[in-house]
Amino acid sequence: MVNRVRRLLGQRSVGHLGTLDPAATGVLPIVVGNLTRLAQFYVHSEKTYEGIIRFGFATDTYDADGEPTPPRLNVKLDHVEVRALAAQFQGIIKQMPPPFSAKKIAGVPAYKLARKKQEVVLKPVQVEIKEFEILATTADQATFRARVASGTYIRSIAHEMGQKIGCGAHLASLRRIAAAEFTIDEAHSLAAL
């Protein structure tokens, strides 16, 4: 996105205020020119997401782009049970980053090792989940809204929920609706830019 904005605006000095997973959509604040200096003040800003968790099988990337990991199970979610489980993820918790992540292992991003089928040994990190609400459930999916501190992996939450229920789960879709004070209502598409 930064490279595309550079070309569109003819501006060399362009940056962003927080990465998005490749399959995620939504708010990605872009800073241009002298405003790139503001990026340092947004390193730890909170983000708000909406998405869908699919239960019944996990994937190696913890999202819909990954390879399914057996077994595949037929599930029928209980809305009250899933809401109660989501409550366990609120607050300051230890979270294991996904093997396909930008976390560095001896200076190498974990996803590069994972793509080469090399062992990825990551350590749990402390994250803060300020809000995690299950909005609706179907037989095998839960729609949610989450407000989290920087560095939190929503994919890991989905994966861990599947482990706790015992049926596997992965993040089916993710949309960032806010990053700090920047909201989806104020966002512009790349086409509009």
N, C-alpha and C. Protein backbone atom coordinates (compact mmCIF):
# COMPACT_ATOMS: atom_id res chain seq x y z
N MET A 1 0.82 -1.19 0.00
CA MET A 1 0.00 0.00 0.00
C MET A 1 0.87 1.25 0.00
N VAL A 2 1.93 1.24 0.81
CA VAL A 2 2.82 2.40 0.86
C VAL A 2 3.41 2.68 -0.52
N ASN A 3 3.87 1.65 -1.20
CA ASN A 3 4.45 1.84 -2.53
C ASN A 3 3.41 2.36 -3.53
N ARG A 4 2.19 1.85 -3.44
CA ARG A 4 1.14 2.32 -4.36
C ARG A 4 0.80 3.77 -4.09
N VAL A 5 0.74 4.16 -2.83
CA VAL A 5 0.44 5.56 -2.48
C VAL A 5 1.59 6.46 -2.94
N ARG A 6 2.83 6.00 -2.79
CA ARG A 6 3.98 6.78 -3.27
C ARG A 6 3.82 7.10 -4.76
N ARG A 7 3.47 6.06 -5.53
CA ARG A 7 3.32 6.27 -6.98
C ARG A 7 2.14 7.18 -7.29
N LEU A 8 1.02 6.96 -6.64
CA LEU A 8 -0.18 7.76 -6.92
C LEU A 8 0.02 9.24 -6.61
N LEU A 9 0.68 9.52 -5.48
CA LEU A 9 0.85 10.90 -5.05
C LEU A 9 2.16 11.52 -5.55
N GLY A 10 3.04 10.71 -6.11
CA GLY A 10 4.35 11.24 -6.51
C GLY A 10 5.14 11.73 -5.31
N GLN A 11 4.93 11.06 -4.19
CA GLN A 11 5.54 11.47 -2.91
C GLN A 11 6.45 10.35 -2.42
N ARG A 12 7.68 10.66 -2.12
CA ARG A 12 8.64 9.64 -1.67
C ARG A 12 8.44 9.30 -0.19
N SER A 13 8.14 10.29 0.61
CA SER A 13 8.03 10.09 2.05
C SER A 13 6.60 9.68 2.43
N VAL A 14 6.38 8.36 2.52
CA VAL A 14 5.07 7.80 2.85
C VAL A 14 5.28 6.66 3.84
N GLY A 15 4.42 6.58 4.83
CA GLY A 15 4.49 5.50 5.81
C GLY A 15 3.09 5.09 6.24
N HIS A 16 3.02 4.10 7.14
CA HIS A 16 1.71 3.64 7.63
C HIS A 16 1.75 3.55 9.16
N LEU A 17 0.57 3.46 9.76
CA LEU A 17 0.46 3.42 11.22
C LEU A 17 0.00 2.05 11.71
N GLY A 18 0.59 0.99 11.19
CA GLY A 18 0.26 -0.35 11.67
C GLY A 18 -0.11 -1.29 10.56
N THR A 19 0.53 -2.45 10.53
CA THR A 19 0.31 -3.41 9.45
C THR A 19 -1.02 -4.13 9.60
N LEU A 20 -1.48 -4.69 8.50
CA LEU A 20 -2.66 -5.56 8.47
C LEU A 20 -2.22 -6.91 7.92
N ASP A 21 -2.82 -7.98 8.42
CA ASP A 21 -2.57 -9.30 7.84
C ASP A 21 -2.95 -9.25 6.36
N PRO A 22 -2.32 -10.07 5.51
CA PRO A 22 -2.60 -10.02 4.08
C PRO A 22 -4.07 -10.17 3.71
N ALA A 23 -4.82 -11.02 4.41
CA ALA A 23 -6.22 -11.25 4.05
C ALA A 23 -7.18 -10.26 4.72
N ALA A 24 -6.67 -9.44 5.63
CA ALA A 24 -7.53 -8.49 6.36
C ALA A 24 -7.83 -7.27 5.49
N THR A 25 -8.95 -6.63 5.80
CA THR A 25 -9.35 -5.40 5.11
C THR A 25 -9.56 -4.32 6.16
N GLY A 26 -9.84 -3.11 5.68
CA GLY A 26 -10.21 -2.05 6.61
C GLY A 26 -9.20 -0.94 6.71
N VAL A 27 -9.19 -0.31 7.87
CA VAL A 27 -8.45 0.92 8.12
C VAL A 27 -6.94 0.68 8.16
N LEU A 28 -6.22 1.40 7.32
CA LEU A 28 -4.76 1.43 7.33
C LEU A 28 -4.35 2.89 7.18
N PRO A 29 -4.15 3.59 8.31
CA PRO A 29 -3.77 5.01 8.21
C PRO A 29 -2.42 5.17 7.51
N ILE A 30 -2.39 6.07 6.53
CA ILE A 30 -1.18 6.37 5.76
C ILE A 30 -0.75 7.79 6.08
N VAL A 31 0.54 7.98 6.33
CA VAL A 31 1.07 9.32 6.60
C VAL A 31 2.01 9.71 5.46
N VAL A 32 1.99 10.99 5.12
CA VAL A 32 2.70 11.48 3.95
C VAL A 32 3.54 12.70 4.32
N GLY A 33 4.70 12.81 3.67
CA GLY A 33 5.55 13.99 3.84
C GLY A 33 6.04 14.14 5.28
N ASN A 34 5.99 15.39 5.78
CA ASN A 34 6.46 15.66 7.14
C ASN A 34 5.65 14.92 8.20
N LEU A 35 4.44 14.51 7.85
CA LEU A 35 3.58 13.82 8.82
C LEU A 35 4.06 12.40 9.13
N THR A 36 5.03 11.89 8.36
CA THR A 36 5.55 10.56 8.68
C THR A 36 6.20 10.55 10.06
N ARG A 37 6.59 11.71 10.55
CA ARG A 37 7.17 11.79 11.90
C ARG A 37 6.16 11.43 12.98
N LEU A 38 4.88 11.50 12.65
CA LEU A 38 3.84 11.17 13.63
C LEU A 38 3.76 9.66 13.91
N ALA A 39 4.29 8.84 13.03
CA ALA A 39 4.18 7.39 13.18
C ALA A 39 4.69 6.91 14.53
N GLN A 40 5.72 7.54 15.05
CA GLN A 40 6.29 7.11 16.33
C GLN A 40 5.29 7.20 17.48
N PHE A 41 4.29 8.08 17.35
CA PHE A 41 3.30 8.25 18.41
C PHE A 41 2.15 7.25 18.31
N TYR A 42 2.14 6.43 17.27
CA TYR A 42 1.06 5.47 17.06
C TYR A 42 1.51 4.02 17.18
N VAL A 43 2.74 3.81 17.59
CA VAL A 43 3.29 2.46 17.68
C VAL A 43 2.44 1.57 18.60
N HIS A 44 1.94 2.13 19.68
CA HIS A 44 1.20 1.34 20.66
C HIS A 44 -0.30 1.64 20.67
N SER A 45 -0.83 2.15 19.57
CA SER A 45 -2.25 2.53 19.54
C SER A 45 -3.15 1.30 19.46
N GLU A 46 -4.35 1.43 20.02
CA GLU A 46 -5.29 0.31 20.00
C GLU A 46 -6.01 0.24 18.66
N LYS A 47 -6.53 -0.95 18.39
CA LYS A 47 -7.24 -1.21 17.15
C LYS A 47 -8.56 -1.91 17.45
N THR A 48 -9.54 -1.70 16.57
CA THR A 48 -10.83 -2.36 16.71
C THR A 48 -11.11 -3.15 15.44
N TYR A 49 -11.57 -4.38 15.63
CA TYR A 49 -11.81 -5.29 14.51
C TYR A 49 -13.21 -5.89 14.59
N GLU A 50 -13.71 -6.30 13.43
CA GLU A 50 -14.89 -7.15 13.34
C GLU A 50 -14.50 -8.31 12.44
N GLY A 51 -15.07 -9.47 12.71
CA GLY A 51 -14.71 -10.61 11.88
C GLY A 51 -15.54 -11.83 12.19
N ILE A 52 -15.11 -12.94 11.58
CA ILE A 52 -15.80 -14.22 11.74
C ILE A 52 -14.77 -15.30 12.06
N ILE A 53 -15.07 -16.09 13.08
CA ILE A 53 -14.26 -17.25 13.43
C ILE A 53 -15.04 -18.49 12.98
N ARG A 54 -14.37 -19.36 12.24
CA ARG A 54 -15.01 -20.60 11.80
C ARG A 54 -14.47 -21.75 12.65
N PHE A 55 -15.38 -22.51 13.21
CA PHE A 55 -15.03 -23.65 14.05
C PHE A 55 -15.19 -24.94 13.26
N GLY A 56 -14.46 -25.98 13.68
CA GLY A 56 -14.55 -27.28 13.04
C GLY A 56 -13.21 -27.78 12.54
N PHE A 57 -12.29 -26.86 12.23
CA PHE A 57 -10.93 -27.24 11.88
C PHE A 57 -10.01 -26.02 11.99
N ALA A 58 -8.77 -26.30 12.31
CA ALA A 58 -7.74 -25.26 12.39
C ALA A 58 -6.99 -25.22 11.06
N THR A 59 -6.16 -24.20 10.88
CA THR A 59 -5.26 -24.13 9.72
C THR A 59 -3.86 -23.81 10.21
N ASP A 60 -2.87 -24.06 9.38
CA ASP A 60 -1.49 -23.81 9.79
C ASP A 60 -1.16 -22.33 9.94
N THR A 61 -1.94 -21.45 9.30
CA THR A 61 -1.71 -20.01 9.42
C THR A 61 -2.68 -19.35 10.40
N TYR A 62 -3.61 -20.13 10.92
CA TYR A 62 -4.67 -19.68 11.84
C TYR A 62 -5.72 -18.83 11.14
N ASP A 63 -5.68 -18.75 9.79
CA ASP A 63 -6.71 -18.01 9.05
C ASP A 63 -7.16 -18.83 7.85
N ALA A 64 -8.08 -18.28 7.06
CA ALA A 64 -8.68 -19.02 5.94
C ALA A 64 -7.70 -19.26 4.80
N ASP A 65 -6.56 -18.56 4.77
CA ASP A 65 -5.58 -18.75 3.70
C ASP A 65 -4.70 -19.97 3.90
N GLY A 66 -4.72 -20.53 5.11
CA GLY A 66 -3.82 -21.63 5.43
C GLY A 66 -4.32 -22.99 5.02
N GLU A 67 -3.45 -23.97 5.18
CA GLU A 67 -3.79 -25.37 4.91
C GLU A 67 -4.52 -25.94 6.12
N PRO A 68 -5.67 -26.57 5.89
CA PRO A 68 -6.41 -27.17 7.02
C PRO A 68 -5.57 -28.24 7.72
N THR A 69 -5.69 -28.27 9.03
CA THR A 69 -5.02 -29.30 9.81
C THR A 69 -6.10 -30.23 10.35
N PRO A 70 -5.97 -31.54 10.09
CA PRO A 70 -7.02 -32.47 10.49
C PRO A 70 -7.11 -32.56 12.02
N PRO A 71 -8.18 -33.07 12.53
CA PRO A 71 -9.35 -33.55 11.81
C PRO A 71 -10.36 -32.44 11.55
N ARG A 72 -11.27 -32.67 10.61
CA ARG A 72 -12.40 -31.76 10.38
C ARG A 72 -13.58 -32.32 11.15
N LEU A 73 -14.20 -31.47 11.93
CA LEU A 73 -15.32 -31.92 12.75
C LEU A 73 -16.57 -31.13 12.43
N ASN A 74 -17.70 -31.78 12.50
CA ASN A 74 -18.97 -31.07 12.40
C ASN A 74 -19.29 -30.52 13.77
N VAL A 75 -19.60 -29.22 13.84
CA VAL A 75 -19.89 -28.60 15.13
C VAL A 75 -21.24 -27.90 15.08
N LYS A 76 -21.81 -27.75 16.24
CA LYS A 76 -23.02 -26.95 16.40
C LYS A 76 -22.76 -26.08 17.61
N LEU A 77 -22.40 -24.83 17.37
CA LEU A 77 -22.02 -23.93 18.45
C LEU A 77 -23.21 -23.56 19.33
N ASP A 78 -22.91 -23.41 20.60
CA ASP A 78 -23.87 -22.90 21.56
C ASP A 78 -23.49 -21.44 21.82
N HIS A 79 -24.38 -20.51 21.49
CA HIS A 79 -24.08 -19.07 21.58
C HIS A 79 -23.63 -18.68 22.99
N VAL A 80 -24.31 -19.16 24.00
CA VAL A 80 -23.97 -18.81 25.40
C VAL A 80 -22.58 -19.34 25.75
N GLU A 81 -22.26 -20.55 25.30
CA GLU A 81 -20.95 -21.14 25.57
C GLU A 81 -19.83 -20.34 24.89
N VAL A 82 -20.06 -19.94 23.65
CA VAL A 82 -19.04 -19.19 22.91
C VAL A 82 -18.84 -17.81 23.54
N ARG A 83 -19.91 -17.17 23.96
CA ARG A 83 -19.79 -15.86 24.65
C ARG A 83 -19.01 -16.00 25.95
N ALA A 84 -19.27 -17.05 26.69
CA ALA A 84 -18.54 -17.28 27.95
C ALA A 84 -17.06 -17.54 27.68
N LEU A 85 -16.77 -18.28 26.62
CA LEU A 85 -15.37 -18.54 26.25
C LEU A 85 -14.68 -17.24 25.86
N ALA A 86 -15.35 -16.40 25.08
CA ALA A 86 -14.77 -15.12 24.66
C ALA A 86 -14.41 -14.25 25.86
N ALA A 87 -15.21 -14.31 26.92
CA ALA A 87 -14.94 -13.52 28.12
C ALA A 87 -13.60 -13.91 28.75
N GLN A 88 -13.17 -15.16 28.58
CA GLN A 88 -11.90 -15.61 29.14
C GLN A 88 -10.69 -14.95 28.46
N PHE A 89 -10.91 -14.39 27.28
CA PHE A 89 -9.82 -13.78 26.53
C PHE A 89 -9.70 -12.28 26.78
N GLN A 90 -10.54 -11.72 27.61
CA GLN A 90 -10.47 -10.29 27.88
C GLN A 90 -9.47 -9.99 28.98
N GLY A 91 -8.85 -8.82 28.88
CA GLY A 91 -7.87 -8.40 29.87
C GLY A 91 -6.46 -8.58 29.36
N ILE A 92 -5.51 -8.61 30.28
CA ILE A 92 -4.11 -8.81 29.92
C ILE A 92 -3.85 -10.31 29.99
N ILE A 93 -3.46 -10.87 28.84
CA ILE A 93 -3.25 -12.32 28.75
C ILE A 93 -1.92 -12.61 28.07
N LYS A 94 -1.47 -13.85 28.18
CA LYS A 94 -0.31 -14.33 27.42
C LYS A 94 -0.85 -14.96 26.14
N GLN A 95 -0.26 -14.59 25.02
CA GLN A 95 -0.73 -15.08 23.73
C GLN A 95 0.44 -15.61 22.92
N MET A 96 0.22 -16.76 22.28
CA MET A 96 1.24 -17.34 21.40
C MET A 96 1.03 -16.78 20.00
N PRO A 97 2.02 -16.05 19.45
CA PRO A 97 1.87 -15.54 18.08
C PRO A 97 1.76 -16.70 17.08
N PRO A 98 1.09 -16.47 15.95
CA PRO A 98 0.99 -17.53 14.93
C PRO A 98 2.36 -17.81 14.31
N PRO A 99 2.60 -19.05 13.86
CA PRO A 99 3.87 -19.36 13.21
C PRO A 99 4.07 -18.55 11.93
N PHE A 100 2.98 -18.21 11.25
CA PHE A 100 3.05 -17.35 10.06
C PHE A 100 2.78 -15.92 10.54
N SER A 101 3.82 -15.30 11.12
CA SER A 101 3.71 -13.93 11.62
C SER A 101 5.02 -13.21 11.37
N ALA A 102 5.03 -11.92 11.63
CA ALA A 102 6.24 -11.12 11.42
C ALA A 102 7.17 -11.15 12.63
N LYS A 103 6.80 -11.90 13.68
CA LYS A 103 7.67 -12.01 14.85
C LYS A 103 9.02 -12.56 14.41
N LYS A 104 10.10 -12.00 14.94
CA LYS A 104 11.46 -12.38 14.53
C LYS A 104 12.00 -13.52 15.39
N ILE A 105 12.67 -14.46 14.71
CA ILE A 105 13.39 -15.55 15.35
C ILE A 105 14.82 -15.44 14.85
N ALA A 106 15.73 -15.08 15.73
CA ALA A 106 17.13 -14.85 15.34
C ALA A 106 17.22 -13.90 14.15
N GLY A 107 16.41 -12.86 14.16
CA GLY A 107 16.44 -11.84 13.13
C GLY A 107 15.66 -12.17 11.86
N VAL A 108 15.05 -13.35 11.80
CA VAL A 108 14.30 -13.77 10.61
C VAL A 108 12.81 -13.80 10.95
N PRO A 109 11.96 -13.17 10.12
CA PRO A 109 10.52 -13.24 10.38
C PRO A 109 10.04 -14.69 10.41
N ALA A 110 9.18 -15.01 11.37
CA ALA A 110 8.69 -16.38 11.55
C ALA A 110 8.04 -16.92 10.28
N TYR A 111 7.31 -16.06 9.54
CA TYR A 111 6.62 -16.57 8.35
C TYR A 111 7.59 -17.08 7.29
N LYS A 112 8.80 -16.52 7.23
CA LYS A 112 9.78 -17.01 6.24
C LYS A 112 10.22 -18.43 6.59
N LEU A 113 10.42 -18.69 7.88
CA LEU A 113 10.79 -20.04 8.31
C LEU A 113 9.63 -21.01 8.10
N ALA A 114 8.42 -20.57 8.45
CA ALA A 114 7.23 -21.43 8.32
C ALA A 114 6.99 -21.80 6.86
N ARG A 115 7.19 -20.86 5.94
CA ARG A 115 6.99 -21.16 4.51
C ARG A 115 7.98 -22.20 4.00
N LYS A 116 9.18 -22.22 4.60
CA LYS A 116 10.20 -23.19 4.21
C LYS A 116 10.04 -24.50 4.99
N LYS A 117 8.94 -24.61 5.74
CA LYS A 117 8.65 -25.80 6.56
C LYS A 117 9.72 -26.04 7.62
N GLN A 118 10.39 -24.95 8.07
CA GLN A 118 11.36 -25.06 9.15
C GLN A 118 10.63 -24.85 10.48
N GLU A 119 11.24 -25.35 11.54
CA GLU A 119 10.63 -25.25 12.86
C GLU A 119 10.55 -23.78 13.29
N VAL A 120 9.37 -23.41 13.78
CA VAL A 120 9.15 -22.05 14.27
C VAL A 120 8.88 -22.14 15.77
N VAL A 121 9.83 -21.64 16.57
CA VAL A 121 9.68 -21.67 18.02
C VAL A 121 9.49 -20.24 18.50
N LEU A 122 8.26 -19.93 18.87
CA LEU A 122 7.93 -18.60 19.36
C LEU A 122 7.61 -18.68 20.85
N LYS A 123 7.73 -17.56 21.52
CA LYS A 123 7.41 -17.49 22.94
C LYS A 123 6.13 -16.69 23.12
N PRO A 124 5.35 -17.04 24.13
CA PRO A 124 4.13 -16.27 24.40
C PRO A 124 4.49 -14.82 24.73
N VAL A 125 3.62 -13.90 24.32
CA VAL A 125 3.81 -12.49 24.61
C VAL A 125 2.58 -11.97 25.36
N GLN A 126 2.79 -10.94 26.14
CA GLN A 126 1.68 -10.34 26.88
C GLN A 126 0.96 -9.35 25.98
N VAL A 127 -0.35 -9.51 25.88
CA VAL A 127 -1.18 -8.61 25.08
C VAL A 127 -2.38 -8.19 25.92
N GLU A 128 -3.05 -7.14 25.46
CA GLU A 128 -4.25 -6.69 26.16
C GLU A 128 -5.44 -6.70 25.21
N ILE A 129 -6.47 -7.42 25.62
CA ILE A 129 -7.72 -7.46 24.87
C ILE A 129 -8.73 -6.68 25.69
N LYS A 130 -9.03 -5.47 25.23
CA LYS A 130 -9.87 -4.56 25.99
C LYS A 130 -11.35 -4.90 25.87
N GLU A 131 -11.73 -5.46 24.74
CA GLU A 131 -13.13 -5.85 24.50
C GLU A 131 -13.13 -6.98 23.50
N PHE A 132 -13.91 -8.01 23.78
CA PHE A 132 -14.06 -9.13 22.85
C PHE A 132 -15.48 -9.65 23.01
N GLU A 133 -16.32 -9.33 22.04
CA GLU A 133 -17.74 -9.64 22.15
C GLU A 133 -18.18 -10.50 20.97
N ILE A 134 -18.87 -11.57 21.28
CA ILE A 134 -19.48 -12.42 20.26
C ILE A 134 -20.83 -11.80 19.92
N LEU A 135 -20.99 -11.39 18.67
CA LEU A 135 -22.21 -10.70 18.24
C LEU A 135 -23.29 -11.67 17.78
N ALA A 136 -22.88 -12.78 17.14
CA ALA A 136 -23.83 -13.76 16.63
C ALA A 136 -23.11 -15.08 16.40
N THR A 137 -23.87 -16.16 16.38
CA THR A 137 -23.30 -17.47 16.05
C THR A 137 -24.24 -18.20 15.09
N THR A 138 -23.63 -19.04 14.26
CA THR A 138 -24.38 -20.00 13.44
C THR A 138 -23.90 -21.37 13.89
N ALA A 139 -24.18 -22.40 13.12
CA ALA A 139 -23.77 -23.75 13.50
C ALA A 139 -22.26 -23.84 13.72
N ASP A 140 -21.46 -23.22 12.82
CA ASP A 140 -20.00 -23.36 12.93
C ASP A 140 -19.23 -22.04 12.87
N GLN A 141 -19.92 -20.91 12.99
CA GLN A 141 -19.23 -19.61 12.92
C GLN A 141 -19.68 -18.67 14.03
N ALA A 142 -18.74 -17.82 14.45
CA ALA A 142 -19.05 -16.79 15.44
C ALA A 142 -18.59 -15.45 14.89
N THR A 143 -19.51 -14.49 14.84
CA THR A 143 -19.19 -13.13 14.42
C THR A 143 -18.83 -12.35 15.68
N PHE A 144 -17.74 -11.56 15.60
CA PHE A 144 -17.25 -10.88 16.80
C PHE A 144 -16.85 -9.43 16.52
N ARG A 145 -16.66 -8.70 17.61
CA ARG A 145 -16.04 -7.37 17.59
C ARG A 145 -14.99 -7.39 18.71
N ALA A 146 -13.78 -6.90 18.40
CA ALA A 146 -12.70 -6.89 19.39
C ALA A 146 -11.97 -5.56 19.36
N ARG A 147 -11.64 -5.06 20.54
CA ARG A 147 -10.81 -3.85 20.68
C ARG A 147 -9.57 -4.29 21.45
N VAL A 148 -8.41 -4.14 20.81
CA VAL A 148 -7.18 -4.72 21.36
C VAL A 148 -6.03 -3.72 21.34
N ALA A 149 -5.05 -3.97 22.19
CA ALA A 149 -3.82 -3.18 22.18
C ALA A 149 -2.97 -3.65 21.01
N SER A 150 -2.05 -2.81 20.62
CA SER A 150 -1.13 -3.12 19.53
C SER A 150 -0.38 -4.41 19.84
N GLY A 151 -0.13 -5.22 18.81
CA GLY A 151 0.63 -6.45 18.99
C GLY A 151 -0.21 -7.67 19.23
N THR A 152 -1.53 -7.52 19.31
CA THR A 152 -2.44 -8.65 19.54
C THR A 152 -2.77 -9.31 18.20
N TYR A 153 -2.70 -10.62 18.17
CA TYR A 153 -3.06 -11.37 16.97
C TYR A 153 -4.47 -11.94 17.13
N ILE A 154 -5.41 -11.45 16.34
CA ILE A 154 -6.78 -11.97 16.37
C ILE A 154 -6.78 -13.41 15.89
N ARG A 155 -5.89 -13.75 14.94
CA ARG A 155 -5.78 -15.13 14.45
C ARG A 155 -5.48 -16.09 15.60
N SER A 156 -4.62 -15.66 16.52
CA SER A 156 -4.28 -16.52 17.66
C SER A 156 -5.46 -16.72 18.58
N ILE A 157 -6.28 -15.68 18.75
CA ILE A 157 -7.48 -15.81 19.59
C ILE A 157 -8.38 -16.88 18.98
N ALA A 158 -8.61 -16.81 17.67
CA ALA A 158 -9.47 -17.80 16.99
C ALA A 158 -8.92 -19.21 17.18
N HIS A 159 -7.62 -19.35 16.98
CA HIS A 159 -6.98 -20.66 17.10
C HIS A 159 -7.13 -21.21 18.52
N GLU A 160 -6.87 -20.37 19.50
CA GLU A 160 -6.95 -20.82 20.90
C GLU A 160 -8.38 -21.13 21.32
N MET A 161 -9.36 -20.39 20.78
CA MET A 161 -10.76 -20.71 21.08
C MET A 161 -11.10 -22.11 20.55
N GLY A 162 -10.63 -22.42 19.36
CA GLY A 162 -10.87 -23.74 18.79
C GLY A 162 -10.24 -24.85 19.62
N GLN A 163 -9.04 -24.58 20.16
CA GLN A 163 -8.38 -25.56 21.02
C GLN A 163 -9.18 -25.77 22.30
N LYS A 164 -9.68 -24.69 22.89
CA LYS A 164 -10.43 -24.81 24.14
C LYS A 164 -11.75 -25.53 23.95
N ILE A 165 -12.41 -25.30 22.83
CA ILE A 165 -13.67 -26.01 22.57
C ILE A 165 -13.38 -27.45 22.16
N GLY A 166 -12.20 -27.69 21.57
CA GLY A 166 -11.81 -29.05 21.20
C GLY A 166 -12.19 -29.44 19.79
N CYS A 167 -12.46 -28.43 18.95
CA CYS A 167 -12.87 -28.76 17.57
C CYS A 167 -12.01 -28.05 16.54
N GLY A 168 -11.05 -27.24 16.96
CA GLY A 168 -10.25 -26.46 16.02
C GLY A 168 -11.04 -25.26 15.51
N ALA A 169 -10.32 -24.20 15.16
CA ALA A 169 -10.97 -22.99 14.62
C ALA A 169 -9.92 -22.16 13.92
N HIS A 170 -10.39 -21.30 13.05
CA HIS A 170 -9.50 -20.36 12.37
C HIS A 170 -10.27 -19.07 12.08
N LEU A 171 -9.53 -18.03 11.77
CA LEU A 171 -10.13 -16.74 11.45
C LEU A 171 -10.59 -16.77 10.00
N ALA A 172 -11.90 -16.69 9.79
CA ALA A 172 -12.46 -16.76 8.43
C ALA A 172 -12.39 -15.41 7.73
N SER A 173 -12.59 -14.32 8.47
CA SER A 173 -12.47 -12.98 7.88
C SER A 173 -12.17 -11.97 8.98
N LEU A 174 -11.52 -10.87 8.58
CA LEU A 174 -11.14 -9.83 9.54
C LEU A 174 -11.17 -8.47 8.86
N ARG A 175 -11.81 -7.52 9.52
CA ARG A 175 -11.88 -6.14 9.03
C ARG A 175 -11.54 -5.21 10.17
N ARG A 176 -10.51 -4.37 9.98
CA ARG A 176 -10.16 -3.38 10.99
C ARG A 176 -11.09 -2.19 10.80
N ILE A 177 -11.86 -1.86 11.82
CA ILE A 177 -12.80 -0.75 11.71
C ILE A 177 -12.28 0.52 12.37
N ALA A 178 -11.19 0.41 13.14
CA ALA A 178 -10.57 1.60 13.73
C ALA A 178 -9.13 1.31 14.10
N ALA A 179 -8.28 2.31 13.91
CA ALA A 179 -6.89 2.28 14.36
C ALA A 179 -6.65 3.62 15.03
N ALA A 180 -6.48 3.58 16.35
CA ALA A 180 -6.43 4.82 17.15
C ALA A 180 -7.70 5.61 16.88
N GLU A 181 -7.58 6.88 16.52
CA GLU A 181 -8.77 7.70 16.29
C GLU A 181 -9.26 7.64 14.84
N PHE A 182 -8.62 6.85 13.99
CA PHE A 182 -9.00 6.75 12.58
C PHE A 182 -10.02 5.63 12.40
N THR A 183 -11.19 5.95 11.87
CA THR A 183 -12.27 4.96 11.75
C THR A 183 -12.58 4.64 10.29
N ILE A 184 -13.29 3.54 10.10
CA ILE A 184 -13.67 3.09 8.76
C ILE A 184 -14.57 4.13 8.07
N ASP A 185 -15.35 4.87 8.84
CA ASP A 185 -16.23 5.88 8.28
C ASP A 185 -15.45 7.01 7.59
N GLU A 186 -14.24 7.24 8.03
CA GLU A 186 -13.40 8.31 7.48
C GLU A 186 -12.43 7.79 6.40
N ALA A 187 -12.41 6.50 6.19
CA ALA A 187 -11.43 5.89 5.28
C ALA A 187 -11.79 6.15 3.82
N HIS A 188 -10.76 6.14 2.99
CA HIS A 188 -10.91 6.28 1.54
C HIS A 188 -10.33 5.05 0.88
N SER A 189 -10.96 4.60 -0.17
CA SER A 189 -10.43 3.44 -0.90
C SER A 189 -9.22 3.88 -1.73
N LEU A 190 -8.42 2.91 -2.12
CA LEU A 190 -7.27 3.20 -2.98
C LEU A 190 -7.76 3.76 -4.32
N ALA A 191 -8.88 3.22 -4.81
CA ALA A 191 -9.46 3.71 -6.08
C ALA A 191 -9.84 5.18 -5.97
N ALA A 192 -10.42 5.58 -4.83
CA ALA A 192 -10.80 6.98 -4.64
C ALA A 192 -9.56 7.87 -4.58
N LEU A 193 -8.50 7.38 -3.95
CA LEU A 193 -7.25 8.17 -3.87
C LEU A 193 -6.67 8.36 -5.26
